[in-house]
Amino acid sequence: MTVAFTPKALKQLKGVRAADKATNRVSFSGTMPWFDIDNLMAPTGLKGNDIEGFVEGESLLELEFIRLARFVGQTVRIRPQPCTLRWVDPRTMKLRKHIPDFEVWRHGSTKSIFIEVKYAEEAELLKSEHDLIRANFKKEGHEFEVWTEAVIRKQPRATNVEMLFAQAGPIENVAALECVRSVLRSAQGETLTIGEIRERSGLRGKAFRAILRLHVRRELVLDLDSTIDERSPVYLGRSRLDLHLGGSVVSGLDV
């Protein structure tokens, strides 16, 4: 998803930072929607709410990261280019500055994490610099992570996220959602597969779309690191969100 906006058009979009700030970027590739499903009919939320809106990205890879953060794991809020870190480079003793690509907030944490999105080849060239930046963020009490296409585009998770994105719009089949909820309640804690839910609900394709929608709504959890098909188990509750999380600073999956 790459949508270009002029500064005038940006000013007319609620939920996007002021146009002058948005166009201070080196480049501007587009935006990715980040709305509360329960509030899609009023996507700007309460007056002054900056949690929802259109999140800006400078590249296709950044937009893919935003989409991944939206549908995988525990991210509750994200901000593009949130701050400027000023630090002294010990190699040259010169004052330098770094603007991270994103700042994210995660469930269960009071501190934000700063994210840099780079293609692997460039990230390897900048590794020593990123290590220094990470150390300076740590002095401020924050974590710093570098994400590459190896993680963002990892399969089958990336394809699964595309399917979830297609079920994140303002229109939903309320009857199908309630039918799937009823099947899950009647299971009394038993872990069902997608195929079993489709069979018990009698909805077939509608049940599959409803299951995806309920994942987006965080009412159930699918293992996005496995191909989603008839055999996929469906877990209840947010407690299973760590099923597909974990990893190192460079390739962490716990956005």
Foldseek 3Di string as FASTA:
>chain_A
DWDDDDLVVQCVFALHPRSVVQVVDPAWGHWDFQAQLVCQVPRNPDVPDNQGGTATDRDPQRNLVVLLLLQAAFWRGKHAQDDKDWDQDPVVRDIDIDGAGMWTDGPPDPDIATEHEDAPVVCVVCVVVVVVVQVSVVVVVHGYFYEHCCQSVDPPLSVLSVLLSVLRHNDADVVLLVLLVVVVVVVVQDWAFLLVSCVVSVPVPSNVSSLSNCSSNQQWDWQSRDDRDRGTTIGGHPVCSCVNFDDDRHNGSND
